[in-house]
Structures are given as C-alpha cells and as structure tokens.
C-alpha cells in the first residue's frame, strides 16, 4: 500500500487506509434519474468511488447535477479533451481520470492550477491496448515494461508542473502484464496510491477468475489502494466481487463470510437450496461473521467449528450450531425462521464494521 494518503471528498485513499472498492456508471450522464438510481444502488452495495464517463461538454450540467446528489464520490473519466477536465473541475467533481500525455502543456497547466485550487485528485494511467510502437520499442518489446514506462512518463509531466495528489493506474487484459507493470510502479514510486484492475476481464465466471487471479497476486504483495473488478455485468456485481476478494485475502470484512461444503453422497440436505433460503438472513448481519452451511454431520460442526454459527444436515432435518457446539435440531421447514433468530442473537455480539475495516483495525 502507498505511503501517501489522499482524500477524495472525505474518502481516504492510500497511506494505510483500507483498499477501496470502486466501479463505473454504466448509464449515460444524460439519463439523470437512472444514473442517480444506479449511484444509490451502488452505495448500498458498498461502492466507495464511482467513475463516470464524461465525453462531451453538453453533459456538464448533468455531471454537476449528479455530483450534487450522489452518495458516492465521483471521478470524471476523460481521455483526450482538456476542456472536459476543466469543466468537470468547475462542476465540483473531486477527482478526475486523465492522460496528461494527450494534452497540450498550456492546457495541462490550467488543469493543474484548477485541481490545486479545488483540492482535487488526478488519476493518471495507461492501458495495455493503447501502447504505441515507440513505447514498445523503447521497452525492448516487453509490454509490461512499456506499460509501466507509459505511466511513469505521465507522472513526470504532472510532477514537473508541481502537482502530487496523484493516483497511478496500469491496466491490461493480460493478468501477467498487469501484475508486472504494477509491481514495477509500486517498487519505484511507493509514495503514490495505485488503482488496480484487469481491464476488460470479461463476464461471468471467466471474468471473475481472471480478475481475482491478477488482483490477488498484487494485493498479496501489498500492492493496490483502490480496485475495480471490471465485468460485463451490473456494476453492483463488480462491487460485491471486490469485497468477496478482499474478504478472501483477510484485507477487509465487508459482508458475511460463507463456508459451505461442495456436497457428496453423504449429504442429508440440498446445500445450495438451503443457502438460497437463508440468504435473506445474511443481509442485515454485522460484517465479519462467518456462517457455515454443511451437508451432513461429518462436515457439519466438526469441520466448520470455527464458524460463528451454521447449519448441518442431520437425520431429523438440520442442526444449528455455534463455534462447533450444537444448539438445536430443527426440521427443514423450521430452519429459516429459527436460523434467523439465532443469527440475529449471535450478530448482536459482534461490531458492525460496515465500512469494511482492515484486518486488525
């Protein structure tokens, strides 16, 4: 994690703050109410920073309107037009994603001056798909090195202008390119927060696995201050997947951790069906609780004895247990109601760390 801590509308990034989970609006800014509804839904899912494409000056009033109402800090996504960056800053957007190399020096100085005056954060970065032949040749044909060097060039442009409130980003559709590029940047520029992600990772299972493979390699090394799991899915799925990944790595505790057996011929209950029945009970539980659903008494309390509470199939239906100790046997019809009662009574004894604290924080 970076040494430098930045603040985007009160959201602390880097410098020991939790790894932040972000997403991107998937609706044009011109559809104001739909954008706001998506912001609210994403906030409910735990999204902490939300990028919004800002491709035209015609949308500046829409961007300003949304910024004034969004429960999540916004980051305007701008690629080439410096006028858009200035318009976003004037609209009060607290963070902007730009590529300084695509802008004239005079325009960039105006952007830097405006960002300084408004205490805005600039995110800069490069994408593996946008590397030039010149950049690749300079890196000896090693794409990951060219990707890191492209970000480094942008960083030097801003530092020359005296601006340091910067988040770095180096993304590729290749897991290993992304991992190496970010490892190089983290080792060379440890002061600057890094946003990590596998760009255009896909959809469904393959997209989740690809993102998890790359981001886990980085996070396990302490690299990454914000992340996005980029999926061709609803943005809420990106956010939930981000927290699932951080929970798996013991980095944040947003949400309930589920332990469930893969089932075998010994199972006495349909584990998947039971999980679906009990899932409504999970939503309002405090963060950091571990809930187990196991198919039989072999996998039940014994193998899941560390779970805060759980369910295991039994000859009479199911047993509810807590820290390995059986509390009650119930029929499958009774299970959802009784489980909900036990879950709530157990949950009251744990702090509700809704913000998803770091391990040990």
Protein backbone atom coordinates (compact mmCIF):
# COMPACT_ATOMS: atom_id res chain seq x y z
CA UNK A 1 0.00 0.00 0.00
CA UNK A 2 1.22 3.52 -0.72
CA UNK A 3 2.84 5.82 1.81
CA UNK A 4 0.92 8.90 0.63
CA UNK A 5 -2.68 9.36 1.71
CA UNK A 6 -5.14 11.26 -0.46
CA UNK A 7 -8.69 12.39 0.22
CA UNK A 8 -11.50 12.41 -2.33
CA UNK A 9 -14.49 14.15 -0.80
CA UNK A 10 -13.56 12.69 2.58
CA UNK A 11 -12.73 9.21 1.26
CA UNK A 12 -9.22 8.35 2.42
CA UNK A 13 -7.06 6.52 -0.13
CA UNK A 14 -3.56 5.14 0.49
CA UNK A 15 -1.34 5.74 3.47
CA UNK A 16 -2.73 2.81 5.45
CA UNK A 17 -6.40 3.34 4.57
CA UNK A 18 -8.42 0.23 3.60
CA UNK A 19 -8.26 -0.89 -0.03
CA UNK A 20 -11.17 0.95 -1.62
CA UNK A 21 -13.71 -0.74 -3.89
CA UNK A 22 -14.90 1.20 -6.90
CA UNK A 23 -16.99 0.78 -10.02
CA UNK A 24 -18.16 2.79 -13.01
CA UNK A 25 -21.53 4.14 -14.05
CA UNK A 26 -22.87 2.09 -16.96
CA UNK A 27 -25.54 4.62 -17.93
CA UNK A 28 -25.03 7.85 -19.95
CA UNK A 29 -24.99 11.01 -17.83
CA UNK A 30 -27.88 12.41 -19.87
CA UNK A 31 -30.18 9.90 -18.15
CA UNK A 32 -30.03 11.76 -14.86
CA UNK A 33 -32.52 9.87 -12.75
CA UNK A 34 -31.29 6.48 -13.92
CA UNK A 35 -27.72 7.48 -13.10
CA UNK A 36 -28.74 8.61 -9.62
CA UNK A 37 -30.66 5.38 -9.06
CA UNK A 38 -27.54 3.42 -10.00
CA UNK A 39 -25.44 5.56 -7.64
CA UNK A 40 -27.83 4.80 -4.79
CA UNK A 41 -27.83 1.07 -5.58
CA UNK A 42 -24.04 1.01 -5.75
CA UNK A 43 -23.79 2.86 -2.45
CA UNK A 44 -25.98 0.20 -0.90
CA UNK A 45 -23.63 -2.47 -2.24
CA UNK A 46 -20.64 -0.72 -0.65
CA UNK A 47 -19.14 1.14 -3.63
CA UNK A 48 -16.79 3.86 -2.37
CA UNK A 49 -15.63 5.66 -5.53
CA UNK A 50 -17.56 5.86 -8.78
CA UNK A 51 -16.13 6.73 -12.17
CA UNK A 52 -18.39 8.40 -14.74
CA UNK A 53 -17.64 8.77 -18.44
CA UNK A 54 -17.70 12.47 -19.40
CA UNK A 55 -17.30 12.54 -23.20
CA UNK A 56 -18.95 15.86 -24.08
CA UNK A 57 -19.29 19.40 -22.77
CA UNK A 58 -23.01 19.07 -23.48
CA UNK A 59 -23.17 16.82 -20.41
CA UNK A 60 -21.58 19.22 -17.91
CA UNK A 61 -24.86 20.23 -16.29
CA UNK A 62 -25.82 16.56 -16.00
CA UNK A 63 -22.47 15.81 -14.37
CA UNK A 64 -22.87 18.71 -11.94
CA UNK A 65 -26.43 17.63 -11.10
CA UNK A 66 -25.32 14.09 -10.35
CA UNK A 67 -22.30 15.19 -8.31
CA UNK A 68 -24.54 17.28 -6.07
CA UNK A 69 -26.76 14.26 -5.34
CA UNK A 70 -24.56 11.19 -5.50
CA UNK A 71 -23.94 9.44 -2.15
CA UNK A 72 -20.60 8.24 -3.59
CA UNK A 73 -17.64 10.49 -4.54
CA UNK A 74 -17.36 10.75 -8.31
CA UNK A 75 -14.37 10.56 -10.64
CA UNK A 76 -14.86 12.04 -14.11
CA UNK A 77 -13.34 9.82 -16.81
CA UNK A 78 -11.66 11.90 -19.53
CA UNK A 79 -9.31 10.70 -22.25
CA UNK A 80 -8.22 13.43 -24.65
CA UNK A 81 -10.03 16.74 -24.22
CA UNK A 82 -8.53 19.01 -21.56
CA UNK A 83 -11.58 21.27 -21.79
CA UNK A 84 -13.63 18.43 -20.35
CA UNK A 85 -11.25 18.11 -17.41
CA UNK A 86 -11.58 21.81 -16.65
CA UNK A 87 -15.37 21.63 -16.98
CA UNK A 88 -15.51 18.68 -14.58
CA UNK A 89 -13.41 20.53 -12.02
CA UNK A 90 -15.61 23.60 -12.37
CA UNK A 91 -18.63 21.34 -11.78
CA UNK A 92 -17.12 20.38 -8.42
CA UNK A 93 -16.01 16.84 -9.30
CA UNK A 94 -13.46 15.87 -6.63
CA UNK A 95 -11.36 13.55 -8.81
CA UNK A 96 -10.56 13.19 -12.48
CA UNK A 97 -9.01 10.48 -14.62
CA UNK A 98 -6.84 11.95 -17.41
CA UNK A 99 -3.91 11.15 -19.67
CA UNK A 100 -1.57 14.16 -19.45
CA UNK A 101 0.37 12.98 -22.50
CA UNK A 102 -2.69 13.63 -24.69
CA UNK A 103 -2.95 17.30 -23.67
CA UNK A 104 -1.03 20.44 -24.54
CA UNK A 105 1.30 21.85 -21.89
CA UNK A 106 -0.72 25.06 -21.59
CA UNK A 107 -3.99 23.18 -21.13
CA UNK A 108 -2.39 20.87 -18.60
CA UNK A 109 -1.12 23.83 -16.57
CA UNK A 110 -4.70 25.14 -16.43
CA UNK A 111 -5.94 21.75 -15.23
CA UNK A 112 -3.25 21.52 -12.56
CA UNK A 113 -3.97 25.04 -11.34
CA UNK A 114 -7.69 24.27 -11.11
CA UNK A 115 -7.12 20.92 -9.37
CA UNK A 116 -4.80 22.56 -6.84
CA UNK A 117 -7.32 25.30 -6.11
CA UNK A 118 -10.12 22.80 -5.61
CA UNK A 119 -8.07 20.14 -3.75
CA UNK A 120 -8.98 17.63 -6.44
CA UNK A 121 -7.16 14.35 -7.07
CA UNK A 122 -5.92 13.34 -10.52
CA UNK A 123 -5.72 9.71 -11.57
CA UNK A 124 -3.37 9.02 -14.46
CA UNK A 125 -2.64 5.78 -16.20
CA UNK A 126 -2.11 3.69 -19.26
CA UNK A 127 -3.88 0.74 -20.83
CA UNK A 128 -2.12 -2.18 -22.47
CA UNK A 129 -4.23 -1.69 -25.59
CA UNK A 130 -3.08 1.89 -26.13
CA UNK A 131 0.69 1.37 -26.12
CA UNK A 132 2.47 2.83 -29.14
CA UNK A 133 5.12 1.12 -31.24
CA UNK A 134 7.60 3.72 -29.94
CA UNK A 135 6.84 2.81 -26.31
CA UNK A 136 7.12 -0.89 -27.04
CA UNK A 137 10.41 -0.47 -28.89
CA UNK A 138 11.88 1.57 -26.02
CA UNK A 139 10.95 -1.25 -23.62
CA UNK A 140 12.59 -3.90 -25.79
CA UNK A 141 9.23 -5.30 -26.78
CA UNK A 142 8.28 -6.17 -23.19
CA UNK A 143 4.70 -4.98 -22.94
CA UNK A 144 4.54 -4.84 -19.14
CA UNK A 145 7.65 -2.64 -19.01
CA UNK A 146 6.23 -0.38 -21.72
CA UNK A 147 3.00 -0.10 -19.74
CA UNK A 148 4.83 0.94 -16.57
CA UNK A 149 7.01 3.38 -18.52
CA UNK A 150 3.93 4.99 -20.10
CA UNK A 151 2.50 5.69 -16.63
CA UNK A 152 5.89 6.94 -15.47
CA UNK A 153 6.01 9.44 -18.34
CA UNK A 154 2.63 10.82 -17.33
CA UNK A 155 3.69 11.05 -13.71
CA UNK A 156 6.77 13.07 -14.59
CA UNK A 157 4.64 15.52 -16.59
CA UNK A 158 2.49 16.25 -13.54
CA UNK A 159 5.41 16.37 -11.12
CA UNK A 160 7.12 18.88 -13.39
CA UNK A 161 4.00 21.04 -13.04
CA UNK A 162 4.29 20.77 -9.24
CA UNK A 163 1.26 18.51 -8.75
CA UNK A 164 1.49 15.48 -6.46
CA UNK A 165 -2.07 14.46 -5.47
CA UNK A 166 -1.94 11.60 -7.94
CA UNK A 167 -3.26 8.04 -8.22
CA UNK A 168 -1.42 5.76 -10.66
CA UNK A 169 -3.01 3.06 -12.79
CA UNK A 170 -1.55 0.48 -15.20
CA UNK A 171 -4.06 -1.98 -16.65
CA UNK A 172 -4.06 -4.67 -19.28
CA UNK A 173 -6.32 -7.52 -20.32
CA UNK A 174 -3.30 -9.72 -19.63
CA UNK A 175 -3.01 -10.78 -15.99
CA UNK A 176 0.76 -11.11 -16.02
CA UNK A 177 1.34 -7.83 -17.88
CA UNK A 178 -0.78 -6.03 -15.31
CA UNK A 179 0.94 -7.70 -12.37
CA UNK A 180 4.46 -6.94 -13.59
CA UNK A 181 3.65 -3.33 -14.58
CA UNK A 182 2.13 -2.57 -11.18
CA UNK A 183 4.95 -4.33 -9.35
CA UNK A 184 7.44 -2.11 -11.18
CA UNK A 185 5.48 1.05 -10.38
CA UNK A 186 4.99 0.13 -6.72
CA UNK A 187 8.69 -0.53 -6.22
CA UNK A 188 9.77 2.66 -7.97
CA UNK A 189 7.07 5.05 -6.71
CA UNK A 190 5.89 3.75 -3.32
CA UNK A 191 4.55 7.15 -2.26
CA UNK A 192 1.74 7.22 -4.83
CA UNK A 193 -1.51 5.26 -4.40
CA UNK A 194 -2.20 2.64 -7.07
CA UNK A 195 -5.55 1.77 -8.60
CA UNK A 196 -5.51 -1.85 -9.77
CA UNK A 197 -7.67 -3.89 -12.10
CA UNK A 198 -7.63 -6.27 -15.04
CA UNK A 199 -9.22 -4.25 -17.80
CA UNK A 200 -11.98 -5.79 -19.90
CA UNK A 201 -11.68 -9.05 -17.97
CA UNK A 202 -14.89 -10.45 -19.44
CA UNK A 203 -18.15 -11.69 -17.96
CA UNK A 204 -19.42 -14.34 -15.61
CA UNK A 205 -17.11 -16.99 -14.25
CA UNK A 206 -14.19 -16.29 -16.58
CA UNK A 207 -14.22 -12.57 -15.81
CA UNK A 208 -14.30 -13.18 -12.07
CA UNK A 209 -11.50 -15.74 -12.16
CA UNK A 210 -9.31 -13.57 -14.39
CA UNK A 211 -9.70 -10.52 -12.18
CA UNK A 212 -9.21 -12.50 -8.98
CA UNK A 213 -6.06 -14.16 -10.35
CA UNK A 214 -4.37 -10.84 -11.15
CA UNK A 215 -5.56 -8.76 -8.23
CA UNK A 216 -4.75 -11.45 -5.68
CA UNK A 217 -1.15 -11.58 -6.87
CA UNK A 218 -0.89 -7.82 -6.36
CA UNK A 219 -2.82 -7.49 -3.11
CA UNK A 220 -0.87 -10.34 -1.52
CA UNK A 221 2.26 -8.24 -2.07
CA UNK A 222 0.64 -5.18 -0.50
CA UNK A 223 0.14 -3.53 -3.90
CA UNK A 224 -3.11 -1.69 -4.54
CA UNK A 225 -5.01 1.10 -2.79
CA UNK A 226 -8.20 1.04 -4.87
CA UNK A 227 -9.55 -1.70 -7.11
CA UNK A 228 -12.23 -2.37 -9.67
CA UNK A 229 -13.27 -5.78 -10.90
CA UNK A 230 -14.25 -4.84 -14.45
CA UNK A 231 -17.04 -7.13 -15.60
CA UNK A 232 -19.60 -7.12 -18.38
CA UNK A 233 -22.23 -7.31 -15.65
CA UNK A 234 -24.25 -4.95 -13.47
CA UNK A 235 -21.89 -2.61 -11.58
CA UNK A 236 -23.23 -3.91 -8.26
CA UNK A 237 -21.74 -7.30 -9.16
CA UNK A 238 -18.33 -5.64 -9.58
CA UNK A 239 -18.56 -4.17 -6.11
CA UNK A 240 -19.75 -7.36 -4.42
CA UNK A 241 -16.99 -9.32 -6.16
CA UNK A 242 -14.43 -6.78 -4.97
CA UNK A 243 -15.42 -7.26 -1.37
CA UNK A 244 -15.51 -11.04 -1.78
CA UNK A 245 -11.92 -10.90 -2.96
CA UNK A 246 -10.80 -8.67 -0.10
CA UNK A 247 -12.55 -10.93 2.43
CA UNK A 248 -10.84 -13.98 0.97
CA UNK A 249 -7.47 -12.25 1.49
CA UNK A 250 -8.38 -11.09 5.03
CA UNK A 251 -7.94 -7.47 3.95
CA UNK A 252 -11.48 -6.22 4.61
CA UNK A 253 -14.51 -7.63 6.38
CA UNK A 254 -17.40 -6.07 4.49
CA UNK A 255 -20.22 -8.60 4.48
CA UNK A 256 -20.69 -12.13 5.78
CA UNK A 257 -18.21 -14.90 5.00
CA UNK A 258 -19.96 -18.06 3.82
CA UNK A 259 -18.47 -21.52 4.35
CA UNK A 260 -20.31 -24.30 2.53
CA UNK A 261 -19.33 -27.81 1.54
CA UNK A 262 -19.26 -28.90 -2.13
CA UNK A 263 -21.56 -31.84 -1.13
CA UNK A 264 -21.16 -35.54 -1.78
CA UNK A 265 -23.15 -38.75 -1.45
CA UNK A 266 -23.35 -38.30 2.35
CA UNK A 267 -25.32 -35.09 2.18
CA UNK A 268 -28.65 -35.02 4.03
CA UNK A 269 -29.77 -31.60 2.75
CA UNK A 270 -29.63 -29.70 -0.52
CA UNK A 271 -26.91 -27.22 0.49
CA UNK A 272 -27.46 -24.85 -2.44
CA UNK A 273 -31.22 -24.71 -1.83
CA UNK A 274 -30.69 -24.09 1.90
CA UNK A 275 -28.24 -21.28 1.16
CA UNK A 276 -30.80 -19.62 -1.09
CA UNK A 277 -33.46 -19.89 1.62
CA UNK A 278 -31.19 -18.48 4.32
CA UNK A 279 -29.61 -15.74 2.23
CA UNK A 280 -32.20 -13.08 3.22
CA UNK A 281 -31.00 -13.53 6.81
CA UNK A 282 -27.41 -12.64 5.83
CA UNK A 283 -28.12 -9.14 4.54
CA UNK A 284 -28.65 -7.38 7.86
CA UNK A 285 -25.98 -9.25 9.80
CA UNK A 286 -22.86 -7.47 11.06
CA UNK A 287 -19.74 -7.65 8.95
CA UNK A 288 -17.07 -10.24 9.67
CA UNK A 289 -19.41 -13.02 10.76
CA UNK A 290 -18.71 -16.49 9.35
CA UNK A 291 -21.75 -18.61 8.51
CA UNK A 292 -21.47 -22.29 7.55
CA UNK A 293 -23.95 -24.47 5.66
CA UNK A 294 -22.82 -28.11 5.54
CA UNK A 295 -24.44 -31.14 4.01
CA UNK A 296 -24.11 -33.66 6.83
CA UNK A 297 -22.92 -34.24 10.37
CA UNK A 298 -19.47 -35.29 9.12
CA UNK A 299 -18.82 -31.90 7.52
CA UNK A 300 -21.02 -30.10 10.00
CA UNK A 301 -19.91 -28.74 13.35
CA UNK A 302 -16.57 -30.57 13.28
CA UNK A 303 -15.11 -29.19 10.03
CA UNK A 304 -16.84 -25.83 10.43
CA UNK A 305 -16.22 -25.43 14.15
CA UNK A 306 -14.64 -22.00 13.67
CA UNK A 307 -17.83 -20.60 12.13
CA UNK A 308 -19.75 -18.11 14.27
CA UNK A 309 -22.81 -20.19 13.56
CA UNK A 310 -24.02 -22.60 10.95
CA UNK A 311 -26.32 -25.34 9.74
CA UNK A 312 -25.60 -29.02 9.02
CA UNK A 313 -27.84 -31.75 7.66
CA UNK A 314 -29.00 -34.31 10.21
CA UNK A 315 -31.24 -37.41 10.25
CA UNK A 316 -34.12 -35.28 11.54
CA UNK A 317 -33.58 -32.31 9.24
CA UNK A 318 -30.77 -29.97 10.29
CA UNK A 319 -28.81 -28.89 13.35
CA UNK A 320 -27.90 -25.28 14.11
CA UNK A 321 -24.50 -24.89 15.72
CA UNK A 322 -22.29 -22.15 17.07
CA UNK A 323 -18.48 -22.42 17.26
CA UNK A 324 -18.78 -26.18 16.86
CA UNK A 325 -21.43 -26.63 19.57
CA UNK A 326 -24.86 -27.90 18.51
CA UNK A 327 -27.60 -25.58 19.75
CA UNK A 328 -30.74 -27.16 18.34
CA UNK A 329 -32.09 -29.65 15.82
CA UNK A 330 -34.93 -28.43 13.62
CA UNK A 331 -36.99 -29.61 10.68
CA UNK A 332 -36.19 -28.12 7.29
CA UNK A 333 -39.49 -26.23 7.40
CA UNK A 334 -38.50 -24.56 10.68
CA UNK A 335 -34.95 -23.84 9.60
CA UNK A 336 -35.23 -20.34 8.02
CA UNK A 337 -37.14 -18.88 10.98
CA UNK A 338 -35.02 -20.47 13.71
CA UNK A 339 -31.79 -19.75 11.89
CA UNK A 340 -32.75 -16.10 11.55
CA UNK A 341 -33.38 -15.90 15.31
CA UNK A 342 -30.02 -17.44 16.16
CA UNK A 343 -28.23 -15.35 13.56
CA UNK A 344 -29.57 -12.11 14.96
CA UNK A 345 -28.77 -13.02 18.55
CA UNK A 346 -25.23 -14.01 17.56
CA UNK A 347 -24.77 -10.94 15.41
CA UNK A 348 -25.51 -8.53 18.25
CA UNK A 349 -22.31 -9.60 19.97
CA UNK A 350 -20.07 -8.52 17.09
CA UNK A 351 -19.29 -4.95 15.95
CA UNK A 352 -20.92 -3.93 12.70
CA UNK A 353 -17.93 -2.78 10.68
CA UNK A 354 -20.00 -1.71 7.70
CA UNK A 355 -17.10 0.23 6.22
CA UNK A 356 -15.14 -2.99 5.97
CA UNK A 357 -12.17 -2.43 8.27
CA UNK A 358 -8.69 -3.70 7.63
CA UNK A 359 -7.71 -6.85 9.45
CA UNK A 360 -6.72 -5.88 12.97
CA UNK A 361 -8.02 -2.33 12.64
